[in-house]
C-alpha atoms as a PDB file:
ATOM      1  CA  MET A   1     -24.867  49.102  27.920  1.00  0.00           C
ATOM      2  CA  GLN A   2     -25.099  47.199  25.056  1.00  0.00           C
ATOM      3  CA  GLY A   3     -20.659  46.565  25.072  1.00  0.00           C
ATOM      4  CA  SER A   4     -22.421  45.016  28.059  1.00  0.00           C
ATOM      5  CA  MET A   5     -24.980  42.758  26.372  1.00  0.00           C
ATOM      6  CA  SER A   6     -23.027  41.590  23.473  1.00  0.00           C
ATOM      7  CA  LYS A   7     -20.181  40.218  26.019  1.00  0.00           C
ATOM      8  CA  ASP A   8     -23.033  38.719  28.720  1.00  0.00           C
ATOM      9  CA  VAL A   9     -24.617  37.368  25.032  1.00  0.00           C
ATOM     10  CA  MET A  10     -21.052  35.632  24.381  1.00  0.00           C
ATOM     11  CA  THR A  11     -20.375  34.574  27.445  1.00  0.00           C
ATOM     12  CA  THR A  12     -23.578  32.831  27.736  1.00  0.00           C
ATOM     13  CA  LEU A  13     -22.989  31.072  25.022  1.00  0.00           C
ATOM     14  CA  VAL A  14     -19.293  30.242  24.805  1.00  0.00           C
ATOM     15  CA  VAL A  15     -20.377  28.690  28.608  1.00  0.00           C
ATOM     16  CA  SER A  16     -23.132  27.313  27.313  1.00  0.00           C
ATOM     17  CA  ALA A  17     -21.599  25.451  24.103  1.00  0.00           C
ATOM     18  CA  ALA A  18     -19.070  23.713  26.993  1.00  0.00           C
ATOM     19  CA  LEU A  19     -21.603  22.714  29.603  1.00  0.00           C
ATOM     20  CA  ILE A  20     -23.641  21.234  26.193  1.00  0.00           C
ATOM     21  CA  TRP A  21     -20.592  18.848  25.042  1.00  0.00           C
ATOM     22  CA  ALA A  22     -19.440  18.340  28.304  1.00  0.00           C
ATOM     23  CA  LEU A  23     -21.900  16.925  30.794  1.00  0.00           C
ATOM     24  CA  PRO A  24     -23.242  14.619  28.203  1.00  0.00           C
ATOM     25  CA  LEU A  25     -20.016  13.110  28.618  1.00  0.00           C
ATOM     26  CA  MET A  26     -20.171  12.573  32.695  1.00  0.00           C
ATOM     27  CA  VAL A  27     -23.988  12.345  32.564  1.00  0.00           C
ATOM     28  CA  SER A  28     -26.578  10.587  30.446  1.00  0.00           C
ATOM     29  CA  THR A  29     -28.703  12.794  27.904  1.00  0.00           C
ATOM     30  CA  TYR A  30     -31.834  11.394  29.668  1.00  0.00           C
ATOM     31  CA  THR A  31     -31.152  12.963  32.788  1.00  0.00           C
ATOM     32  CA  LEU A  32     -29.468  16.068  31.892  1.00  0.00           C
ATOM     33  CA  THR A  33     -32.294  16.789  29.912  1.00  0.00           C
ATOM     34  CA  ILE A  34     -34.924  17.121  33.136  1.00  0.00           C
ATOM     35  CA  LEU A  35     -32.081  19.037  35.137  1.00  0.00           C
ATOM     36  CA  ILE A  36     -32.254  21.450  32.006  1.00  0.00           C
ATOM     37  CA  ILE A  37     -36.515  21.698  32.813  1.00  0.00           C
ATOM     38  CA  TYR A  38     -35.802  22.201  36.245  1.00  0.00           C
ATOM     39  CA  GLY A  39     -33.804  24.793  36.065  1.00  0.00           C
ATOM     40  CA  MET A  40     -35.295  26.967  33.336  1.00  0.00           C
ATOM     41  CA  LEU A  41     -38.823  26.131  36.246  1.00  0.00           C
ATOM     42  CA  GLY A  42     -36.255  27.813  38.683  1.00  0.00           C
ATOM     43  CA  LEU A  43     -34.948  30.779  36.934  1.00  0.00           C
ATOM     44  CA  SER A  44     -39.002  31.322  36.608  1.00  0.00           C
ATOM     45  CA  LEU A  45     -39.174  31.653  40.408  1.00  0.00           C
ATOM     46  CA  GLY A  46     -35.922  34.026  40.589  1.00  0.00           C
ATOM     47  CA  LEU A  47     -37.069  36.062  38.115  1.00  0.00           C
ATOM     48  CA  ILE A  48     -40.058  37.075  40.218  1.00  0.00           C
ATOM     49  CA  TRP A  49     -39.485  36.768  43.950  1.00  0.00           C
ATOM     50  CA  GLY A  50     -35.061  37.584  43.536  1.00  0.00           C
ATOM     51  CA  PHE A  51     -35.303  40.770  40.621  1.00  0.00           C
ATOM     52  CA  GLY A  52     -39.198  41.527  41.456  1.00  0.00           C
ATOM     53  CA  GLY A  53     -40.256  41.030  45.390  1.00  0.00           C
ATOM     54  CA  ILE A  54     -42.510  39.327  44.399  1.00  0.00           C
ATOM     55  CA  ILE A  55     -43.582  35.834  46.822  1.00  0.00           C
ATOM     56  CA  CYS A  56     -45.138  33.333  44.782  1.00  0.00           C
ATOM     57  CA  PHE A  57     -45.152  29.424  46.592  1.00  0.00           C
ATOM     58  CA  GLY A  58     -47.681  28.635  44.167  1.00  0.00           C
ATOM     59  CA  GLN A  59     -45.079  28.510  40.925  1.00  0.00           C
ATOM     60  CA  ALA A  60     -46.068  24.767  40.023  1.00  0.00           C
ATOM     61  CA  ALA A  61     -49.069  26.082  39.316  1.00  0.00           C
ATOM     62  CA  TYR A  62     -47.779  27.528  36.226  1.00  0.00           C
ATOM     63  CA  PHE A  63     -45.471  24.630  35.880  1.00  0.00           C
ATOM     64  CA  GLY A  64     -48.848  21.977  35.417  1.00  0.00           C
ATOM     65  CA  LEU A  65     -50.324  24.746  33.185  1.00  0.00           C
ATOM     66  CA  GLY A  66     -47.946  24.684  30.635  1.00  0.00           C
ATOM     67  CA  ALA A  67     -47.551  21.046  30.836  1.00  0.00           C
ATOM     68  CA  TYR A  68     -51.760  20.275  30.346  1.00  0.00           C
ATOM     69  CA  THR A  69     -51.525  23.011  28.078  1.00  0.00           C
ATOM     70  CA  TYR A  70     -49.498  21.220  25.343  1.00  0.00           C
ATOM     71  CA  ALA A  71     -50.763  17.637  25.777  1.00  0.00           C
ATOM     72  CA  ILE A  72     -54.542  18.710  25.444  1.00  0.00           C
ATOM     73  CA  ALA A  73     -53.354  20.833  22.657  1.00  0.00           C
ATOM     74  CA  ALA A  74     -50.959  18.321  21.237  1.00  0.00           C
ATOM     75  CA  ILE A  75     -53.808  14.976  21.633  1.00  0.00           C
ATOM     76  CA  ASN A  76     -55.836  18.190  19.150  1.00  0.00           C
ATOM     77  CA  PHE A  77     -54.351  19.011  17.224  1.00  0.00           C
ATOM     78  CA  GLY A  78     -51.779  16.395  16.218  1.00  0.00           C
ATOM     79  CA  GLU A  79     -48.549  18.376  15.838  1.00  0.00           C
ATOM     80  CA  SER A  80     -46.240  20.149  18.535  1.00  0.00           C
ATOM     81  CA  THR A  81     -46.067  24.003  16.986  1.00  0.00           C
ATOM     82  CA  ILE A  82     -49.410  25.440  17.971  1.00  0.00           C
ATOM     83  CA  PRO A  83     -49.373  23.498  21.682  1.00  0.00           C
ATOM     84  CA  MET A  84     -45.925  24.930  22.371  1.00  0.00           C
ATOM     85  CA  LEU A  85     -46.927  28.366  21.964  1.00  0.00           C
ATOM     86  CA  LEU A  86     -50.096  27.936  23.739  1.00  0.00           C
ATOM     87  CA  ALA A  87     -48.199  26.384  27.268  1.00  0.00           C
ATOM     88  CA  VAL A  88     -46.358  29.527  27.168  1.00  0.00           C
ATOM     89  CA  ILE A  89     -49.718  32.283  26.343  1.00  0.00           C
ATOM     90  CA  VAL A  90     -52.008  30.897  28.502  1.00  0.00           C
ATOM     91  CA  PRO A  91     -50.239  30.921  31.680  1.00  0.00           C
ATOM     92  CA  ALA A  92     -48.778  34.122  30.963  1.00  0.00           C
ATOM     93  CA  ILE A  93     -52.239  35.416  30.028  1.00  0.00           C
ATOM     94  CA  PHE A  94     -53.275  33.045  33.851  1.00  0.00           C
ATOM     95  CA  ALA A  95     -51.145  35.124  35.885  1.00  0.00           C
ATOM     96  CA  ALA A  96     -51.682  38.346  34.238  1.00  0.00           C
ATOM     97  CA  LEU A  97     -55.533  38.086  35.535  1.00  0.00           C
ATOM     98  CA  LEU A  98     -54.489  37.052  39.119  1.00  0.00           C
ATOM     99  CA  GLY A  99     -51.555  39.826  39.068  1.00  0.00           C
ATOM    100  CA  LEU A 100     -54.225  42.154  38.397  1.00  0.00           C
ATOM    101  CA  MET A 101     -56.561  40.904  41.140  1.00  0.00           C
ATOM    102  CA  MET A 102     -54.010  40.774  43.583  1.00  0.00           C
ATOM    103  CA  PHE A 103     -51.443  43.850  42.980  1.00  0.00           C
ATOM    104  CA  TYR A 104     -53.938  46.292  41.830  1.00  0.00           C
ATOM    105  CA  GLY A 105     -56.682  44.730  45.212  1.00  0.00           C
ATOM    106  CA  ARG A 106     -52.848  46.293  47.042  1.00  0.00           C
ATOM    107  CA  LEU A 107     -52.112  42.356  48.511  1.00  0.00           C
ATOM    108  CA  THR A 108     -49.145  42.713  51.029  1.00  0.00           C
ATOM    109  CA  ASP A 109     -46.163  39.788  50.483  1.00  0.00           C
ATOM    110  CA  VAL A 110     -47.993  37.820  53.204  1.00  0.00           C
ATOM    111  CA  TYR A 111     -51.553  37.465  51.135  1.00  0.00           C
ATOM    112  CA  LEU A 112     -49.576  37.461  47.786  1.00  0.00           C
ATOM    113  CA  GLY A 113     -48.187  34.167  48.909  1.00  0.00           C
ATOM    114  CA  VAL A 114     -50.981  32.733  50.406  1.00  0.00           C
ATOM    115  CA  ILE A 115     -53.053  33.458  47.517  1.00  0.00           C
ATOM    116  CA  THR A 116     -50.919  31.945  44.357  1.00  0.00           C
ATOM    117  CA  LEU A 117     -50.307  29.160  47.094  1.00  0.00           C
ATOM    118  CA  VAL A 118     -53.627  28.857  47.328  1.00  0.00           C
ATOM    119  CA  VAL A 119     -54.664  28.883  43.460  1.00  0.00           C
ATOM    120  CA  MET A 120     -52.432  26.505  43.245  1.00  0.00           C
ATOM    121  CA  LEU A 121     -54.043  23.459  45.838  1.00  0.00           C
ATOM    122  CA  ILE A 122     -57.716  24.943  43.806  1.00  0.00           C
ATOM    123  CA  LEU A 123     -56.311  23.372  40.547  1.00  0.00           C
ATOM    124  CA  PHE A 124     -54.685  20.291  42.426  1.00  0.00           C
ATOM    125  CA  LYS A 125     -58.076  20.004  43.277  1.00  0.00           C
ATOM    126  CA  PHE A 126     -59.719  20.417  40.708  1.00  0.00           C
ATOM    127  CA  ILE A 127     -57.611  17.940  38.089  1.00  0.00           C
ATOM    128  CA  ASN A 128     -57.501  15.133  40.504  1.00  0.00           C
ATOM    129  CA  SER A 129     -61.447  15.003  40.442  1.00  0.00           C
ATOM    130  CA  THR A 130     -61.826  15.129  36.522  1.00  0.00           C
ATOM    131  CA  ALA A 131     -61.400  11.497  36.205  1.00  0.00           C
ATOM    132  CA  GLY A 132     -65.293  11.298  33.967  1.00  0.00           C
ATOM    133  CA  PRO A 133     -66.072  11.350  31.090  1.00  0.00           C
ATOM    134  CA  GLN A 134     -67.558  13.865  30.778  1.00  0.00           C
ATOM    135  CA  TYR A 135     -64.064  16.237  31.722  1.00  0.00           C
ATOM    136  CA  VAL A 136     -63.250  16.280  28.325  1.00  0.00           C
ATOM    137  CA  ILE A 137     -61.594  19.150  26.063  1.00  0.00           C
ATOM    138  CA  GLY A 138     -62.139  18.581  22.538  1.00  0.00           C
ATOM    139  CA  ASN A 139     -60.548  15.047  22.292  1.00  0.00           C
ATOM    140  CA  ALA A 140     -58.411  15.457  25.145  1.00  0.00           C
ATOM    141  CA  ARG A 141     -59.537  13.496  28.889  1.00  0.00           C
ATOM    142  CA  LEU A 142     -58.066  15.335  31.216  1.00  0.00           C
ATOM    143  CA  GLY A 143     -57.598  11.714  32.829  1.00  0.00           C
ATOM    144  CA  GLY A 144     -58.319  12.992  37.000  1.00  0.00           C
ATOM    145  CA  TYR A 145     -55.286  11.394  39.153  1.00  0.00           C
ATOM    146  CA  ASN A 146     -54.355   9.348  35.766  1.00  0.00           C
ATOM    147  CA  GLY A 147     -53.934  12.110  34.101  1.00  0.00           C
ATOM    148  CA  ILE A 148     -53.475  12.565  30.672  1.00  0.00           C
ATOM    149  CA  PRO A 149     -51.030   9.796  28.010  1.00  0.00           C
ATOM    150  CA  GLY A 150     -50.447   9.105  25.176  1.00  0.00           C
ATOM    151  CA  PHE A 151     -50.143  12.995  23.420  1.00  0.00           C
ATOM    152  CA  GLN A 152     -48.010  13.913  20.576  1.00  0.00           C
ATOM    153  CA  THR A 153     -43.968  14.876  21.208  1.00  0.00           C
ATOM    154  CA  LEU A 154     -42.373  17.248  20.290  1.00  0.00           C
ATOM    155  CA  ASN A 155     -41.667  17.022  16.186  1.00  0.00           C
ATOM    156  CA  VAL A 156     -39.733  18.779  13.182  1.00  0.00           C
ATOM    157  CA  PRO A 157     -42.729  22.283  12.749  1.00  0.00           C
ATOM    158  CA  GLY A 158     -44.643  20.928   9.540  1.00  0.00           C
ATOM    159  CA  ASP A 159     -44.059  17.489  10.322  1.00  0.00           C
ATOM    160  CA  PRO A 160     -45.782  15.371  12.432  1.00  0.00           C
ATOM    161  CA  SER A 161     -44.088  12.048  11.757  1.00  0.00           C
ATOM    162  CA  ALA A 162     -40.550  13.413  12.161  1.00  0.00           C
ATOM    163  CA  TYR A 163     -40.273  13.336  16.384  1.00  0.00           C
ATOM    164  CA  ILE A 164     -37.390  15.443  18.429  1.00  0.00           C
ATOM    165  CA  TRP A 165     -36.197  12.575  21.161  1.00  0.00           C
ATOM    166  CA  GLY A 166     -32.984  11.365  22.615  1.00  0.00           C
ATOM    167  CA  ASP A 167     -30.127  13.409  22.635  1.00  0.00           C
ATOM    168  CA  ALA A 168     -31.569  15.407  19.913  1.00  0.00           C
ATOM    169  CA  TYR A 169     -34.130  16.533  22.341  1.00  0.00           C
ATOM    170  CA  PHE A 170     -31.678  16.794  25.039  1.00  0.00           C
ATOM    171  CA  TYR A 171     -30.051  19.972  22.521  1.00  0.00           C
ATOM    172  CA  VAL A 172     -33.132  21.696  22.163  1.00  0.00           C
ATOM    173  CA  CYS A 173     -34.110  21.382  25.974  1.00  0.00           C
ATOM    174  CA  ALA A 174     -30.772  23.392  26.505  1.00  0.00           C
ATOM    175  CA  VAL A 175     -30.802  25.974  23.542  1.00  0.00           C
ATOM    176  CA  MET A 176     -34.154  26.779  24.583  1.00  0.00           C
ATOM    177  CA  LEU A 177     -32.586  27.364  28.441  1.00  0.00           C
ATOM    178  CA  ALA A 178     -29.587  29.424  27.435  1.00  0.00           C
ATOM    179  CA  LEU A 179     -32.030  31.357  24.688  1.00  0.00           C
ATOM    180  CA  VAL A 180     -34.031  32.090  27.672  1.00  0.00           C
ATOM    181  CA  PHE A 181     -31.391  32.549  29.916  1.00  0.00           C
ATOM    182  CA  ILE A 182     -30.271  35.532  27.283  1.00  0.00           C
ATOM    183  CA  LEU A 183     -33.875  37.211  27.259  1.00  0.00           C
ATOM    184  CA  VAL A 184     -34.119  37.427  30.919  1.00  0.00           C
ATOM    185  CA  SER A 185     -30.663  38.803  30.594  1.00  0.00           C
ATOM    186  CA  ALA A 186     -31.563  41.038  28.329  1.00  0.00           C
ATOM    187  CA  LEU A 187     -35.112  42.184  30.705  1.00  0.00           C
ATOM    188  CA  LEU A 188     -33.111  42.779  33.637  1.00  0.00           C
ATOM    189  CA  ARG A 189     -30.828  44.869  31.668  1.00  0.00           C
ATOM    190  CA  SER A 190     -33.205  47.617  30.343  1.00  0.00           C
ATOM    191  CA  SER A 191     -34.742  49.747  31.655  1.00  0.00           C
ATOM    192  CA  PHE A 192     -38.030  47.934  32.734  1.00  0.00           C
ATOM    193  CA  GLY A 193     -35.731  45.205  34.651  1.00  0.00           C
ATOM    194  CA  ARG A 194     -33.741  48.292  36.533  1.00  0.00           C
ATOM    195  CA  ILE A 195     -37.265  50.201  37.529  1.00  0.00           C
ATOM    196  CA  ALA A 196     -38.163  46.132  38.639  1.00  0.00           C
ATOM    197  CA  VAL A 197     -35.053  46.127  41.057  1.00  0.00           C
ATOM    198  CA  GLY A 198     -35.776  49.639  42.193  1.00  0.00           C
ATOM    199  CA  ILE A 199     -39.441  48.329  43.097  1.00  0.00           C
ATOM    200  CA  ARG A 200     -37.972  44.939  45.076  1.00  0.00           C
ATOM    201  CA  GLU A 201     -35.791  47.615  47.155  1.00  0.00           C
ATOM    202  CA  ASN A 202     -38.448  50.582  48.084  1.00  0.00           C
ATOM    203  CA  GLU A 203     -41.773  50.519  46.461  1.00  0.00           C
ATOM    204  CA  THR A 204     -42.685  53.675  47.666  1.00  0.00           C
ATOM    205  CA  ARG A 205     -40.122  55.388  46.354  1.00  0.00           C
ATOM    206  CA  MET A 206     -40.698  54.191  42.596  1.00  0.00           C
ATOM    207  CA  SER A 207     -44.675  54.878  42.770  1.00  0.00           C
ATOM    208  CA  LEU A 208     -43.551  58.814  44.169  1.00  0.00           C
ATOM    209  CA  MET A 209     -41.249  58.768  40.848  1.00  0.00           C
ATOM    210  CA  GLY A 210     -44.536  57.989  38.534  1.00  0.00           C
ATOM    211  CA  TYR A 211     -43.895  54.654  37.855  1.00  0.00           C
ATOM    212  CA  ASP A 212     -46.761  51.893  37.371  1.00  0.00           C
ATOM    213  CA  ILE A 213     -46.230  49.655  40.246  1.00  0.00           C
ATOM    214  CA  ARG A 214     -49.008  47.934  40.386  1.00  0.00           C
ATOM    215  CA  ALA A 215     -48.678  47.317  35.759  1.00  0.00           C
ATOM    216  CA  ARG A 216     -44.921  46.411  36.072  1.00  0.00           C
ATOM    217  CA  LYS A 217     -45.399  43.880  38.443  1.00  0.00           C
ATOM    218  CA  THR A 218     -48.234  42.233  36.595  1.00  0.00           C
ATOM    219  CA  ILE A 219     -45.821  42.219  33.549  1.00  0.00           C
ATOM    220  CA  LEU A 220     -42.978  40.441  35.543  1.00  0.00           C
ATOM    221  CA  PHE A 221     -45.712  38.171  37.280  1.00  0.00           C
ATOM    222  CA  SER A 222     -47.176  36.955  33.875  1.00  0.00           C
ATOM    223  CA  ILE A 223     -43.119  36.619  32.367  1.00  0.00           C
ATOM    224  CA  GLY A 224     -41.960  33.853  35.073  1.00  0.00           C
ATOM    225  CA  ALA A 225     -44.877  32.112  34.539  1.00  0.00           C
ATOM    226  CA  ALA A 226     -44.211  32.245  31.159  1.00  0.00           C
ATOM    227  CA  ILE A 227     -41.234  30.984  31.246  1.00  0.00           C
ATOM    228  CA  ALA A 228     -42.725  28.846  34.003  1.00  0.00           C
ATOM    229  CA  GLY A 229     -45.043  27.097  31.014  1.00  0.00           C
ATOM    230  CA  LEU A 230     -42.082  26.475  28.651  1.00  0.00           C
ATOM    231  CA  ALA A 231     -40.381  23.935  31.550  1.00  0.00           C
ATOM    232  CA  GLY A 232     -43.739  22.444  31.816  1.00  0.00           C
ATOM    233  CA  ALA A 233     -44.135  21.323  28.072  1.00  0.00           C
ATOM    234  CA  LEU A 234     -40.784  20.434  28.518  1.00  0.00           C
ATOM    235  CA  PHE A 235     -41.554  18.259  30.872  1.00  0.00           C
ATOM    236  CA  ALA A 236     -44.658  16.898  28.949  1.00  0.00           C
ATOM    237  CA  ASN A 237     -42.627  15.810  26.192  1.00  0.00           C
ATOM    238  CA  TRP A 238     -39.907  14.421  28.529  1.00  0.00           C
ATOM    239  CA  SER A 239     -42.506  12.384  30.275  1.00  0.00           C
ATOM    240  CA  GLU A 240     -44.680  11.631  28.121  1.00  0.00           C
ATOM    241  CA  ILE A 241     -47.893  11.817  30.000  1.00  0.00           C
ATOM    242  CA  VAL A 242     -48.690  14.192  32.292  1.00  0.00           C
ATOM    243  CA  THR A 243     -50.433  14.034  35.543  1.00  0.00           C
ATOM    244  CA  PRO A 244     -52.129  16.098  38.731  1.00  0.00           C
ATOM    245  CA  SER A 245     -48.861  15.875  40.672  1.00  0.00           C
ATOM    246  CA  LEU A 246     -47.591  18.903  38.897  1.00  0.00           C
ATOM    247  CA  PHE A 247     -49.673  20.718  40.779  1.00  0.00           C
ATOM    248  CA  SER A 248     -48.961  19.153  43.872  1.00  0.00           C
ATOM    249  CA  LEU A 249     -47.292  21.770  47.151  1.00  0.00           C
ATOM    250  CA  ARG A 250     -44.700  18.826  47.252  1.00  0.00           C
ATOM    251  CA  GLN A 251     -43.628  20.347  43.385  1.00  0.00           C
ATOM    252  CA  SER A 252     -44.235  23.850  44.712  1.00  0.00           C
ATOM    253  CA  ALA A 253     -41.521  23.417  48.042  1.00  0.00           C
ATOM    254  CA  GLU A 254     -38.911  22.159  45.436  1.00  0.00           C
ATOM    255  CA  ILE A 255     -38.578  24.722  43.671  1.00  0.00           C
ATOM    256  CA  ILE A 256     -39.043  27.458  46.205  1.00  0.00           C
ATOM    257  CA  ILE A 257     -36.242  25.431  47.875  1.00  0.00           C
ATOM    258  CA  TRP A 258     -33.794  25.496  45.244  1.00  0.00           C
ATOM    259  CA  CYS A 259     -34.209  29.209  45.267  1.00  0.00           C
ATOM    260  CA  ILE A 260     -32.891  29.823  48.004  1.00  0.00           C
ATOM    261  CA  VAL A 261     -29.959  26.766  47.898  1.00  0.00           C
ATOM    262  CA  GLY A 262     -28.792  28.113  44.793  1.00  0.00           C
ATOM    263  CA  GLY A 263     -29.284  31.753  45.237  1.00  0.00           C
ATOM    264  CA  PHE A 264     -32.519  33.418  44.182  1.00  0.00           C
ATOM    265  CA  SER A 265     -30.596  37.314  43.491  1.00  0.00           C
ATOM    266  CA  ASN A 266     -29.009  36.443  41.011  1.00  0.00           C
ATOM    267  CA  ARG A 267     -29.720  34.726  37.526  1.00  0.00           C
ATOM    268  CA  VAL A 268     -27.549  31.307  38.054  1.00  0.00           C
ATOM    269  CA  GLY A 269     -28.621  30.472  41.170  1.00  0.00           C
ATOM    270  CA  PRO A 270     -32.175  28.819  40.503  1.00  0.00           C
ATOM    271  CA  ILE A 271     -30.816  26.566  37.554  1.00  0.00           C
ATOM    272  CA  PHE A 272     -27.515  25.064  39.353  1.00  0.00           C
ATOM    273  CA  GLY A 273     -29.704  25.191  42.704  1.00  0.00           C
ATOM    274  CA  ALA A 274     -32.478  23.641  40.826  1.00  0.00           C
ATOM    275  CA  ALA A 275     -30.249  21.257  38.463  1.00  0.00           C
ATOM    276  CA  GLY A 276     -28.068  20.494  41.533  1.00  0.00           C
ATOM    277  CA  LEU A 277     -30.608  19.278  44.246  1.00  0.00           C
ATOM    278  CA  ALA A 278     -32.885  17.344  41.008  1.00  0.00           C
ATOM    279  CA  TYR A 279     -29.478  15.441  40.511  1.00  0.00           C
ATOM    280  CA  ILE A 280     -29.307  14.568  44.611  1.00  0.00           C
ATOM    281  CA  LYS A 281     -32.707  13.260  44.532  1.00  0.00           C
ATOM    282  CA  ILE A 282     -32.318  11.187  41.178  1.00  0.00           C
ATOM    283  CA  LEU A 283     -29.304   9.990  43.124  1.00  0.00           C
ATOM    284  CA  LEU A 284     -30.775   8.838  46.516  1.00  0.00           C
ATOM    285  CA  GLY A 285     -33.703   7.917  44.396  1.00  0.00           C
ATOM    286  CA  GLN A 286     -31.784   4.954  43.985  1.00  0.00           C
ATOM    287  CA  GLN A 287     -31.782   3.572  47.108  1.00  0.00           C
ATOM    288  CA  SER A 288     -33.496   3.341  50.825  1.00  0.00           C
ATOM    289  CA  MET A 289     -31.817   3.709  53.031  1.00  0.00           C
ATOM    290  CA  VAL A 290     -32.212   7.514  54.066  1.00  0.00           C
ATOM    291  CA  ASP A 291     -35.560   8.947  52.581  1.00  0.00           C
ATOM    292  CA  ASN A 292     -34.956  11.532  50.040  1.00  0.00           C
ATOM    293  CA  THR A 293     -37.247  14.592  51.815  1.00  0.00           C
ATOM    294  CA  LEU A 294     -35.481  14.579  54.786  1.00  0.00           C
ATOM    295  CA  ILE A 295     -32.192  15.022  53.296  1.00  0.00           C
ATOM    296  CA  MET A 296     -34.165  17.987  51.593  1.00  0.00           C
ATOM    297  CA  GLY A 297     -34.838  19.464  54.327  1.00  0.00           C
ATOM    298  CA  ILE A 298     -31.533  19.578  56.002  1.00  0.00           C
ATOM    299  CA  ILE A 299     -29.666  20.779  52.683  1.00  0.00           C
ATOM    300  CA  LEU A 300     -32.530  23.669  53.379  1.00  0.00           C
ATOM    301  CA  VAL A 301     -32.326  23.960  57.315  1.00  0.00           C
ATOM    302  CA  VAL A 302     -28.245  24.277  57.132  1.00  0.00           C
ATOM    303  CA  PHE A 303     -28.349  27.045  54.179  1.00  0.00           C
ATOM    304  CA  VAL A 304     -31.088  28.881  55.556  1.00  0.00           C
ATOM    305  CA  LEU A 305     -28.602  28.934  59.149  1.00  0.00           C
ATOM    306  CA  PHE A 306     -25.434  29.400  57.075  1.00  0.00           C
ATOM    307  CA  LEU A 307     -25.652  30.044  53.917  1.00  0.00           C
ATOM    308  CA  PRO A 308     -28.745  32.624  53.566  1.00  0.00           C
ATOM    309  CA  LYS A 309     -28.343  34.077  50.784  1.00  0.00           C
ATOM    310  CA  GLY A 310     -27.484  30.383  48.403  1.00  0.00           C
ATOM    311  CA  LEU A 311     -24.558  28.908  47.031  1.00  0.00           C
ATOM    312  CA  VAL A 312     -23.851  30.752  43.818  1.00  0.00           C
ATOM    313  CA  PRO A 313     -23.630  34.634  45.626  1.00  0.00           C
ATOM    314  CA  ALA A 314     -21.617  32.941  48.416  1.00  0.00           C
ATOM    315  CA  VAL A 315     -18.634  31.305  46.003  1.00  0.00           C
ATOM    316  CA  ALA A 316     -18.728  34.930  44.005  1.00  0.00           C
ATOM    317  CA  GLU A 317     -18.118  37.113  47.633  1.00  0.00           C
ATOM    318  CA  LEU A 318     -15.517  33.902  48.129  1.00  0.00           C
ATOM    319  CA  TRP A 319     -13.726  34.395  44.929  1.00  0.00           C
ATOM    320  CA  ASN A 320     -13.968  37.863  44.311  1.00  0.00           C
ATOM    321  CA  ILE A 321     -12.485  38.209  48.306  1.00  0.00           C
ATOM    322  CA  SER A 322      -9.177  35.931  47.039  1.00  0.00           C
ATOM    323  CA  PHE A 323      -8.391  37.243  43.865  1.00  0.00           C
ATOM    324  CA  GLY A 324     -10.112  40.557  43.545  1.00  0.00           C
ATOM    325  CA  ARG A 325      -7.573  41.853  46.858  1.00  0.00           C
ATOM    326  CA  ARG A 326      -4.990  40.657  44.091  1.00  0.00           C
ATOM    327  CA  LYS A 327      -5.553  41.954  41.012  1.00  0.00           C
ATOM    328  CA  ARG A 328      -5.906  45.156  42.757  1.00  0.00           C
ATOM    329  CA  GLY A 329      -2.634  44.469  44.971  1.00  0.00           C
ATOM    330  CA  ALA A 330      -1.110  44.128  41.963  1.00  0.00           C
ATOM    331  CA  SER A 331      -2.579  46.858  39.547  1.00  0.00           C
ATOM    332  CA  ARG A 332      -1.471  48.739  42.825  1.00  0.00           C
ATOM    333  CA  SER A 333       2.084  48.381  42.683  1.00  0.00           C
ATOM    334  CA  GLY A 334       1.906  47.962  38.810  1.00  0.00           C
ATOM    335  CA  ARG A 335       1.104  52.214  39.429  1.00  0.00           C
ATOM    336  CA  ARG A 336       3.602  52.963  42.155  1.00  0.00           C
ATOM    337  CA  VAL A 337       6.380  51.298  39.689  1.00  0.00           C
ATOM    338  CA  ARG A 338       5.028  52.892  36.971  1.00  0.00           C
ATOM    339  CA  ASN A 339       4.988  55.982  39.475  1.00  0.00           C
ATOM    340  CA  ARG A 340       8.574  55.602  40.557  1.00  0.00           C
ATOM    341  CA  GLY A 341       9.851  55.545  37.142  1.00  0.00           C
ATOM    342  CA  LYS A 342       7.902  58.426  36.424  1.00  0.00           C
ATOM    343  CA  ALA A 343      10.214  60.081  39.107  1.00  0.00           C
ATOM    344  CA  ASN A 344      13.161  59.107  38.471  1.00  0.00           C
ATOM    345  CA  GLY A 345      12.968  60.367  34.505  1.00  0.00           C
END
């Protein structure tokens, strides 16, 4: 197990280093940064949905909570270290409380999806209605539909005047995504991750084996929210403003589409689905002839009908079919030659 994990980590580091070096040669680091952030957000939903079997239609709620938590804390603390930590902790605690109510309430998948969606819409409605001067947390005004601008962006810990922006910020986000991916991989390879997959496959059987299904679902749900909160904090630093649109139904629907198109049953699919579709959206935003929402809808329908497992699993399966047989055929031929040699000898 340790050898497999070490190999996985090395592969992740090598691929990440190659992409970090090559991608800026083709796309601006400003655009790549938001694609990385969206990739992390897609991974957060892919973890709880693809490996935990938890249907969440309101993942944007934790994304928005992370962004708003960072902005509010940055205004009050005047630096970014503590706000970054709070942006991870607050969504995780919020998700844990919500998960306790849902999972210990023995709600089915449909109701889980509805409740997470309703919670997100409640947050969207509340943040939109905080335009008055009475809506203040410390020195930070929530701003209502105008959002919160003008907060301290990412800085070197201990030196608020040393800002991290531009190309340097791209590298920070890329390294964070690689670290999150490695941690998620380690989690899924652990006994907790294997049990979570078992719960997804057959919840009743795992319960009869003595595992606390509800507690494990709550923990996994909180981890997914923490990753989404980190993505929200990174987004706040990238955009330098947070608005209620982070909690919108459109944002949550896009996250679901990313995972479906990329393939939510593996770790890489949601990342590539998010980055790819977000980049297509950016390119479509440069023209006015076709509505990009229509294009996204068509892409979703095509993938649901013809590639229900997603793009990455389909490519992996095609690769195995094309090259796996060749390797097996080559190994069989090699064994035949060796056997003939032994027989002749």
